[in-house]
Amino acid sequence: MFAVIKTGGKQFRVAANDKITVARIEGNPGDTVAFGSVLMLTEGEKTTLDAKALGEVTVAGEIVEQARGEKVIAFKKRRRQNSKRKRGFRAELTVIRITDILTGGKQPEMRKGEVAAAATVETKAAAKPAKAAKAEAATEEAPKKAAAKKAPAKKAKDEASEA
């Protein structure tokens, strides 16, 4: 059985016990990662491409290490112009070992690091409505000010007739 998953803007063909190197995913070595964006699933001779059926498929993996890629240097030179530019880049990478491909809507068992991350996301989501509720309460409690009276508009016709 293998699946094609999408992560970090790239697609990977994975099976159980495969190691893949993907763009940086937050977590520590040993943490569990779940990939819900499955594009294709093959079990023996049966291939599934249906979006509804793939919505229930999850690929579980374990972070092996956080690493940095090889340094890539972009060097530009304009000859006889005394002009050159050198820039370097190292990609932040995560090595993941695929542990299982889960079907039927099953979810992987999250390890310690992922449970804490999921809890912080929930608390942040709960904090936003609380702030909105505080703002509404403050506006209700504040006394309403009387509307400022507008100055009477000058009559343009009178001024035009006088001139």
N, C-alpha and C. Protein backbone atom coordinates (compact mmCIF):
# COMPACT_ATOMS: atom_id res chain seq x y z
N MET A 1 0.84 -1.17 0.00
CA MET A 1 0.00 0.00 0.00
C MET A 1 0.89 1.24 0.00
N PHE A 2 0.55 2.19 -0.86
CA PHE A 2 1.27 3.47 -0.84
C PHE A 2 0.28 4.60 -1.09
N ALA A 3 0.72 5.80 -0.76
CA ALA A 3 -0.11 6.99 -0.93
C ALA A 3 0.74 8.11 -1.50
N VAL A 4 0.08 9.07 -2.10
CA VAL A 4 0.73 10.29 -2.56
C VAL A 4 0.19 11.41 -1.69
N ILE A 5 1.10 12.09 -0.97
CA ILE A 5 0.69 13.17 -0.07
C ILE A 5 1.26 14.49 -0.57
N LYS A 6 0.65 15.57 -0.10
CA LYS A 6 1.12 16.90 -0.45
C LYS A 6 1.51 17.63 0.82
N THR A 7 2.74 18.12 0.87
CA THR A 7 3.19 18.92 2.01
C THR A 7 4.28 19.87 1.54
N GLY A 8 4.25 21.07 2.03
CA GLY A 8 5.27 22.05 1.68
C GLY A 8 5.27 22.42 0.20
N GLY A 9 4.11 22.30 -0.46
CA GLY A 9 4.03 22.64 -1.87
C GLY A 9 4.58 21.57 -2.80
N LYS A 10 4.91 20.40 -2.26
CA LYS A 10 5.44 19.30 -3.07
C LYS A 10 4.64 18.04 -2.82
N GLN A 11 4.75 17.09 -3.73
CA GLN A 11 4.06 15.82 -3.60
C GLN A 11 5.08 14.71 -3.38
N PHE A 12 4.72 13.76 -2.50
CA PHE A 12 5.62 12.66 -2.17
C PHE A 12 4.86 11.35 -2.25
N ARG A 13 5.49 10.33 -2.83
CA ARG A 13 4.94 8.98 -2.83
C ARG A 13 5.50 8.28 -1.61
N VAL A 14 4.63 7.84 -0.70
CA VAL A 14 5.09 7.26 0.55
C VAL A 14 4.43 5.91 0.81
N ALA A 15 5.15 5.08 1.54
CA ALA A 15 4.64 3.80 2.03
C ALA A 15 5.12 3.67 3.47
N ALA A 16 4.65 2.65 4.16
CA ALA A 16 5.06 2.45 5.55
C ALA A 16 6.57 2.26 5.63
N ASN A 17 7.20 2.85 6.64
CA ASN A 17 8.63 2.79 6.93
C ASN A 17 9.50 3.55 5.93
N ASP A 18 8.92 4.39 5.09
CA ASP A 18 9.72 5.25 4.21
C ASP A 18 10.23 6.45 4.99
N LYS A 19 11.39 6.96 4.58
CA LYS A 19 11.91 8.21 5.14
C LYS A 19 11.86 9.26 4.05
N ILE A 20 11.26 10.41 4.37
CA ILE A 20 11.19 11.49 3.41
C ILE A 20 11.74 12.76 4.05
N THR A 21 12.27 13.64 3.22
CA THR A 21 12.78 14.93 3.68
C THR A 21 11.87 16.00 3.11
N VAL A 22 11.22 16.74 4.01
CA VAL A 22 10.25 17.75 3.61
C VAL A 22 10.65 19.11 4.16
N ALA A 23 9.96 20.15 3.73
CA ALA A 23 10.19 21.49 4.27
C ALA A 23 9.87 21.46 5.76
N ARG A 24 10.46 22.39 6.52
CA ARG A 24 10.38 22.39 7.98
C ARG A 24 8.95 22.26 8.49
N ILE A 25 8.75 21.30 9.39
CA ILE A 25 7.50 21.11 10.11
C ILE A 25 7.83 21.26 11.58
N GLU A 26 7.05 22.06 12.29
CA GLU A 26 7.31 22.31 13.71
C GLU A 26 7.19 21.01 14.50
N GLY A 27 8.11 20.80 15.42
CA GLY A 27 8.08 19.63 16.27
C GLY A 27 9.48 19.20 16.64
N ASN A 28 9.55 18.27 17.59
CA ASN A 28 10.83 17.74 18.05
C ASN A 28 10.97 16.30 17.56
N PRO A 29 12.20 15.79 17.50
CA PRO A 29 12.37 14.39 17.12
C PRO A 29 11.57 13.48 18.05
N GLY A 30 10.85 12.55 17.45
CA GLY A 30 10.01 11.64 18.21
C GLY A 30 8.54 12.03 18.20
N ASP A 31 8.22 13.26 17.79
CA ASP A 31 6.83 13.70 17.74
C ASP A 31 6.12 13.05 16.55
N THR A 32 4.81 12.90 16.68
CA THR A 32 4.00 12.33 15.61
C THR A 32 3.44 13.45 14.73
N VAL A 33 3.43 13.19 13.43
CA VAL A 33 2.90 14.15 12.46
C VAL A 33 1.85 13.44 11.63
N ALA A 34 0.74 14.14 11.34
CA ALA A 34 -0.32 13.57 10.51
C ALA A 34 -0.46 14.40 9.25
N PHE A 35 -0.51 13.72 8.10
CA PHE A 35 -0.71 14.38 6.82
C PHE A 35 -2.12 14.05 6.34
N GLY A 36 -2.98 15.03 6.28
CA GLY A 36 -4.36 14.80 5.86
C GLY A 36 -4.57 15.06 4.38
N SER A 37 -3.62 15.71 3.74
CA SER A 37 -3.75 16.05 2.33
C SER A 37 -3.23 14.89 1.48
N VAL A 38 -4.06 13.87 1.31
CA VAL A 38 -3.70 12.68 0.54
C VAL A 38 -4.31 12.83 -0.85
N LEU A 39 -3.50 12.71 -1.88
CA LEU A 39 -3.96 12.90 -3.25
C LEU A 39 -4.33 11.59 -3.94
N MET A 40 -3.68 10.48 -3.53
CA MET A 40 -3.95 9.19 -4.15
C MET A 40 -3.60 8.08 -3.17
N LEU A 41 -4.35 6.99 -3.23
CA LEU A 41 -4.10 5.83 -2.37
C LEU A 41 -4.18 4.58 -3.23
N THR A 42 -3.19 3.69 -3.09
CA THR A 42 -3.18 2.44 -3.83
C THR A 42 -3.03 1.29 -2.85
N GLU A 43 -4.00 0.35 -2.91
CA GLU A 43 -3.95 -0.86 -2.09
C GLU A 43 -3.98 -2.04 -3.05
N GLY A 44 -2.83 -2.66 -3.27
CA GLY A 44 -2.75 -3.77 -4.21
C GLY A 44 -3.06 -3.29 -5.62
N GLU A 45 -4.16 -3.78 -6.20
CA GLU A 45 -4.56 -3.39 -7.55
C GLU A 45 -5.57 -2.24 -7.54
N LYS A 46 -6.06 -1.88 -6.36
CA LYS A 46 -7.11 -0.86 -6.25
C LYS A 46 -6.49 0.53 -6.02
N THR A 47 -6.79 1.46 -6.91
CA THR A 47 -6.30 2.83 -6.79
C THR A 47 -7.48 3.76 -6.54
N THR A 48 -7.34 4.62 -5.53
CA THR A 48 -8.41 5.55 -5.17
C THR A 48 -7.96 6.97 -5.45
N LEU A 49 -8.78 7.69 -6.23
CA LEU A 49 -8.52 9.09 -6.52
C LEU A 49 -9.69 9.97 -6.08
N ASP A 50 -10.76 9.36 -5.60
CA ASP A 50 -11.97 10.07 -5.20
C ASP A 50 -11.71 10.96 -3.99
N ALA A 51 -12.07 12.23 -4.08
CA ALA A 51 -11.79 13.19 -3.00
C ALA A 51 -12.53 12.83 -1.72
N LYS A 52 -13.77 12.33 -1.83
CA LYS A 52 -14.53 11.98 -0.62
C LYS A 52 -13.87 10.81 0.11
N ALA A 53 -13.47 9.79 -0.64
CA ALA A 53 -12.83 8.63 -0.03
C ALA A 53 -11.47 9.00 0.55
N LEU A 54 -10.73 9.88 -0.13
CA LEU A 54 -9.41 10.28 0.35
C LEU A 54 -9.50 11.22 1.54
N GLY A 55 -10.65 11.82 1.76
CA GLY A 55 -10.83 12.68 2.93
C GLY A 55 -10.74 11.91 4.23
N GLU A 56 -10.98 10.61 4.18
CA GLU A 56 -10.92 9.77 5.37
C GLU A 56 -9.55 9.12 5.56
N VAL A 57 -8.63 9.37 4.64
CA VAL A 57 -7.29 8.76 4.70
C VAL A 57 -6.32 9.73 5.35
N THR A 58 -5.51 9.22 6.27
CA THR A 58 -4.49 10.02 6.94
C THR A 58 -3.18 9.24 6.92
N VAL A 59 -2.09 9.95 6.65
CA VAL A 59 -0.77 9.33 6.68
C VAL A 59 -0.08 9.80 7.95
N ALA A 60 0.36 8.86 8.77
CA ALA A 60 1.02 9.17 10.04
C ALA A 60 2.52 9.00 9.89
N GLY A 61 3.26 9.89 10.52
CA GLY A 61 4.71 9.82 10.47
C GLY A 61 5.32 10.27 11.78
N GLU A 62 6.61 10.02 11.92
CA GLU A 62 7.34 10.40 13.13
C GLU A 62 8.54 11.24 12.71
N ILE A 63 8.74 12.36 13.40
CA ILE A 63 9.88 13.22 13.09
C ILE A 63 11.15 12.53 13.54
N VAL A 64 12.08 12.33 12.60
CA VAL A 64 13.36 11.71 12.92
C VAL A 64 14.37 12.77 13.33
N GLU A 65 14.46 13.85 12.53
CA GLU A 65 15.38 14.94 12.87
C GLU A 65 14.99 16.23 12.17
N GLN A 66 15.43 17.32 12.74
CA GLN A 66 15.33 18.64 12.13
C GLN A 66 16.71 18.97 11.59
N ALA A 67 16.80 19.30 10.31
CA ALA A 67 18.11 19.51 9.68
C ALA A 67 18.07 20.74 8.79
N ARG A 68 19.23 21.07 8.27
CA ARG A 68 19.34 22.15 7.29
C ARG A 68 19.93 21.56 6.02
N GLY A 69 19.45 22.03 4.90
CA GLY A 69 19.91 21.53 3.61
C GLY A 69 21.27 22.08 3.25
N GLU A 70 21.75 21.65 2.10
CA GLU A 70 23.03 22.11 1.59
C GLU A 70 22.93 23.58 1.20
N LYS A 71 24.02 24.31 1.40
CA LYS A 71 24.01 25.73 1.09
C LYS A 71 24.02 25.93 -0.43
N VAL A 72 23.11 26.77 -0.87
CA VAL A 72 23.01 27.12 -2.28
C VAL A 72 23.45 28.57 -2.42
N ILE A 73 24.39 28.82 -3.32
CA ILE A 73 24.91 30.17 -3.50
C ILE A 73 24.45 30.71 -4.85
N ALA A 74 23.85 31.90 -4.81
CA ALA A 74 23.45 32.59 -6.03
C ALA A 74 24.46 33.72 -6.24
N PHE A 75 25.33 33.56 -7.22
CA PHE A 75 26.37 34.55 -7.49
C PHE A 75 26.11 35.18 -8.84
N LYS A 76 25.96 36.50 -8.85
CA LYS A 76 25.72 37.21 -10.10
C LYS A 76 26.86 38.20 -10.32
N LYS A 77 27.40 38.20 -11.52
CA LYS A 77 28.49 39.11 -11.85
C LYS A 77 28.23 39.73 -13.21
N ARG A 78 28.44 41.01 -13.27
CA ARG A 78 28.35 41.72 -14.54
C ARG A 78 29.78 42.08 -14.96
N ARG A 79 30.25 41.46 -15.99
CA ARG A 79 31.66 41.62 -16.35
C ARG A 79 31.97 43.06 -16.75
N ARG A 80 33.16 43.45 -16.41
CA ARG A 80 33.70 44.78 -16.70
C ARG A 80 32.86 45.91 -16.10
N GLN A 81 32.00 45.62 -15.14
CA GLN A 81 31.18 46.66 -14.52
C GLN A 81 31.55 46.85 -13.05
N ASN A 82 32.49 46.06 -12.56
CA ASN A 82 32.84 46.06 -11.14
C ASN A 82 31.58 45.86 -10.29
N SER A 83 30.75 44.93 -10.74
CA SER A 83 29.48 44.69 -10.07
C SER A 83 29.31 43.19 -9.86
N LYS A 84 29.08 42.81 -8.63
CA LYS A 84 28.81 41.40 -8.33
C LYS A 84 27.94 41.33 -7.08
N ARG A 85 27.20 40.22 -6.98
CA ARG A 85 26.32 40.02 -5.84
C ARG A 85 26.35 38.55 -5.46
N LYS A 86 26.51 38.27 -4.18
CA LYS A 86 26.58 36.90 -3.70
C LYS A 86 25.57 36.73 -2.58
N ARG A 87 24.68 35.78 -2.75
CA ARG A 87 23.68 35.48 -1.73
C ARG A 87 23.65 33.98 -1.50
N GLY A 88 23.50 33.59 -0.24
CA GLY A 88 23.45 32.18 0.09
C GLY A 88 22.12 31.82 0.73
N PHE A 89 21.77 30.54 0.67
CA PHE A 89 20.51 30.07 1.22
C PHE A 89 20.65 28.63 1.67
N ARG A 90 20.13 28.33 2.86
CA ARG A 90 20.06 26.95 3.35
C ARG A 90 18.64 26.66 3.76
N ALA A 91 18.06 25.64 3.17
CA ALA A 91 16.67 25.29 3.47
C ALA A 91 16.57 24.61 4.82
N GLU A 92 15.51 24.94 5.57
CA GLU A 92 15.21 24.26 6.83
C GLU A 92 14.40 23.01 6.47
N LEU A 93 14.88 21.84 6.88
CA LEU A 93 14.28 20.57 6.49
C LEU A 93 13.90 19.73 7.70
N THR A 94 12.96 18.82 7.50
CA THR A 94 12.56 17.86 8.51
C THR A 94 12.59 16.47 7.88
N VAL A 95 13.25 15.53 8.54
CA VAL A 95 13.27 14.14 8.07
C VAL A 95 12.17 13.40 8.82
N ILE A 96 11.29 12.75 8.07
CA ILE A 96 10.13 12.07 8.65
C ILE A 96 10.13 10.62 8.22
N ARG A 97 9.84 9.73 9.18
CA ARG A 97 9.66 8.30 8.88
C ARG A 97 8.16 8.04 8.89
N ILE A 98 7.64 7.54 7.79
CA ILE A 98 6.21 7.26 7.68
C ILE A 98 5.93 5.99 8.48
N THR A 99 5.03 6.08 9.45
CA THR A 99 4.73 4.93 10.30
C THR A 99 3.55 4.13 9.79
N ASP A 100 2.52 4.81 9.27
CA ASP A 100 1.32 4.08 8.89
C ASP A 100 0.46 4.91 7.95
N ILE A 101 -0.35 4.22 7.14
CA ILE A 101 -1.36 4.88 6.32
C ILE A 101 -2.70 4.41 6.86
N LEU A 102 -3.44 5.35 7.44
CA LEU A 102 -4.69 5.02 8.12
C LEU A 102 -5.87 5.33 7.22
N THR A 103 -6.80 4.37 7.10
CA THR A 103 -8.00 4.57 6.30
C THR A 103 -9.23 4.48 7.20
N GLY A 104 -10.37 4.83 6.65
CA GLY A 104 -11.61 4.72 7.41
C GLY A 104 -11.79 5.82 8.44
N GLY A 105 -11.15 6.94 8.29
CA GLY A 105 -11.32 8.06 9.22
C GLY A 105 -10.54 7.93 10.51
N LYS A 106 -9.67 6.94 10.62
CA LYS A 106 -8.87 6.78 11.84
C LYS A 106 -7.83 7.88 11.92
N GLN A 107 -7.49 8.29 13.13
CA GLN A 107 -6.48 9.32 13.36
C GLN A 107 -5.30 8.70 14.09
N PRO A 108 -4.09 9.17 13.82
CA PRO A 108 -2.92 8.61 14.51
C PRO A 108 -2.89 9.03 15.97
N GLU A 109 -2.23 8.22 16.76
CA GLU A 109 -2.07 8.53 18.18
C GLU A 109 -0.98 9.60 18.29
N MET A 110 -1.37 10.78 18.79
CA MET A 110 -0.42 11.90 18.87
C MET A 110 0.50 11.73 20.06
N ARG A 111 1.77 12.01 19.84
CA ARG A 111 2.75 11.94 20.92
C ARG A 111 2.77 13.24 21.70
N LYS A 112 3.56 13.28 22.75
CA LYS A 112 3.60 14.39 23.71
C LYS A 112 3.72 15.77 23.07
N GLY A 113 4.66 15.95 22.17
CA GLY A 113 4.90 17.26 21.57
C GLY A 113 3.70 17.74 20.77
N GLU A 114 3.04 16.85 20.06
CA GLU A 114 1.91 17.24 19.23
C GLU A 114 0.68 17.54 20.07
N VAL A 115 0.48 16.84 21.17
CA VAL A 115 -0.66 17.10 22.03
C VAL A 115 -0.55 18.51 22.60
N ALA A 116 0.63 18.90 23.02
CA ALA A 116 0.84 20.25 23.56
C ALA A 116 0.59 21.29 22.48
N ALA A 117 1.04 21.03 21.26
CA ALA A 117 0.83 21.99 20.18
C ALA A 117 -0.65 22.12 19.86
N ALA A 118 -1.38 21.01 19.84
CA ALA A 118 -2.81 21.06 19.57
C ALA A 118 -3.54 21.82 20.67
N ALA A 119 -3.10 21.66 21.92
CA ALA A 119 -3.73 22.36 23.03
C ALA A 119 -3.51 23.86 22.92
N THR A 120 -2.33 24.29 22.51
CA THR A 120 -2.08 25.73 22.39
C THR A 120 -2.91 26.33 21.27
N VAL A 121 -3.14 25.59 20.19
CA VAL A 121 -3.98 26.09 19.11
C VAL A 121 -5.40 26.28 19.61
N GLU A 122 -5.91 25.32 20.41
CA GLU A 122 -7.25 25.43 20.95
C GLU A 122 -7.37 26.62 21.89
N THR A 123 -6.36 26.85 22.74
CA THR A 123 -6.44 27.97 23.68
C THR A 123 -6.38 29.29 22.94
N LYS A 124 -5.60 29.38 21.87
CA LYS A 124 -5.55 30.61 21.08
C LYS A 124 -6.90 30.87 20.44
N ALA A 125 -7.53 29.81 19.92
CA ALA A 125 -8.84 29.97 19.29
C ALA A 125 -9.88 30.42 20.32
N ALA A 126 -9.78 29.91 21.55
CA ALA A 126 -10.72 30.29 22.60
C ALA A 126 -10.44 31.71 23.08
N ALA A 127 -9.20 32.16 23.03
CA ALA A 127 -8.84 33.50 23.51
C ALA A 127 -9.41 34.58 22.60
N LYS A 128 -9.48 34.34 21.31
CA LYS A 128 -9.98 35.36 20.38
C LYS A 128 -11.44 35.70 20.65
N PRO A 129 -12.37 34.73 20.83
CA PRO A 129 -13.74 35.11 21.15
C PRO A 129 -13.84 35.81 22.51
N ALA A 130 -12.98 35.45 23.45
CA ALA A 130 -13.02 36.09 24.76
C ALA A 130 -12.67 37.57 24.63
N LYS A 131 -11.68 37.90 23.80
CA LYS A 131 -11.32 39.30 23.58
C LYS A 131 -12.48 40.04 22.94
N ALA A 132 -13.15 39.41 21.98
CA ALA A 132 -14.28 40.05 21.32
C ALA A 132 -15.41 40.29 22.31
N ALA A 133 -15.64 39.34 23.22
CA ALA A 133 -16.68 39.50 24.23
C ALA A 133 -16.34 40.65 25.17
N LYS A 134 -15.08 40.79 25.56
CA LYS A 134 -14.66 41.90 26.42
C LYS A 134 -14.89 43.24 25.73
N ALA A 135 -14.59 43.31 24.45
CA ALA A 135 -14.77 44.56 23.70
C ALA A 135 -16.24 44.94 23.64
N GLU A 136 -17.12 43.94 23.43
CA GLU A 136 -18.55 44.22 23.39
C GLU A 136 -19.05 44.69 24.74
N ALA A 137 -18.58 44.06 25.82
CA ALA A 137 -19.00 44.45 27.17
C ALA A 137 -18.55 45.88 27.47
N ALA A 138 -17.37 46.25 27.05
CA ALA A 138 -16.85 47.60 27.31
C ALA A 138 -17.69 48.64 26.57
N THR A 139 -18.12 48.33 25.37
CA THR A 139 -18.92 49.30 24.62
C THR A 139 -20.31 49.44 25.22
N GLU A 140 -20.86 48.36 25.77
CA GLU A 140 -22.18 48.43 26.38
C GLU A 140 -22.14 49.23 27.68
N GLU A 141 -21.09 49.09 28.47
CA GLU A 141 -20.99 49.76 29.75
C GLU A 141 -20.68 51.25 29.61
N ALA A 142 -19.98 51.65 28.58
CA ALA A 142 -19.60 53.05 28.42
C ALA A 142 -20.85 53.89 28.14
N PRO A 143 -20.99 55.06 28.83
CA PRO A 143 -22.16 55.90 28.58
C PRO A 143 -22.09 56.48 27.17
N LYS A 144 -23.25 56.57 26.57
CA LYS A 144 -23.30 57.07 25.21
C LYS A 144 -23.24 58.59 25.23
N LYS A 145 -22.38 59.15 24.42
CA LYS A 145 -22.23 60.60 24.32
C LYS A 145 -23.32 61.15 23.41
N ALA A 146 -23.75 62.37 23.72
CA ALA A 146 -24.74 63.02 22.87
C ALA A 146 -24.08 63.37 21.54
N ALA A 147 -24.85 63.26 20.50
CA ALA A 147 -24.30 63.55 19.17
C ALA A 147 -23.96 65.03 19.08
N ALA A 148 -22.83 65.33 18.50
CA ALA A 148 -22.40 66.72 18.36
C ALA A 148 -23.29 67.42 17.34
N LYS A 149 -23.69 68.66 17.69
CA LYS A 149 -24.56 69.42 16.79
C LYS A 149 -23.73 69.98 15.65
N LYS A 150 -24.30 69.90 14.48
CA LYS A 150 -23.60 70.42 13.31
C LYS A 150 -23.83 71.92 13.20
N ALA A 151 -22.83 72.62 12.71
CA ALA A 151 -22.98 74.06 12.48
C ALA A 151 -23.90 74.26 11.29
N PRO A 152 -24.75 75.29 11.35
CA PRO A 152 -25.68 75.50 10.22
C PRO A 152 -24.90 75.81 8.95
N ALA A 153 -25.38 75.27 7.86
CA ALA A 153 -24.71 75.46 6.58
C ALA A 153 -24.93 76.89 6.10
N LYS A 154 -23.91 77.47 5.51
CA LYS A 154 -24.02 78.83 4.98
C LYS A 154 -24.80 78.78 3.68
N LYS A 155 -25.56 79.78 3.50
CA LYS A 155 -26.37 79.81 2.29
C LYS A 155 -25.55 80.38 1.16
N ALA A 156 -25.39 79.62 0.12
CA ALA A 156 -24.57 80.03 -1.02
C ALA A 156 -25.30 81.05 -1.88
N LYS A 157 -26.63 80.97 -1.94
CA LYS A 157 -27.40 81.87 -2.80
C LYS A 157 -27.32 83.31 -2.31
N ASP A 158 -27.40 83.50 -0.97
CA ASP A 158 -27.37 84.85 -0.42
C ASP A 158 -26.04 85.51 -0.71
N GLU A 159 -24.98 84.78 -0.59
CA GLU A 159 -23.65 85.34 -0.82
C GLU A 159 -23.47 85.69 -2.29
N ALA A 160 -24.02 84.88 -3.17
CA ALA A 160 -23.89 85.12 -4.61
C ALA A 160 -24.68 86.36 -5.03
N SER A 161 -25.85 86.58 -4.41
CA SER A 161 -26.67 87.74 -4.79
C SER A 161 -26.08 89.04 -4.27
N GLU A 162 -25.35 89.00 -3.13
CA GLU A 162 -24.73 90.20 -2.58
C GLU A 162 -23.56 90.66 -3.43
N ALA A 163 -22.87 89.78 -4.06
CA ALA A 163 -21.67 90.15 -4.81
C ALA A 163 -21.93 90.71 -6.15
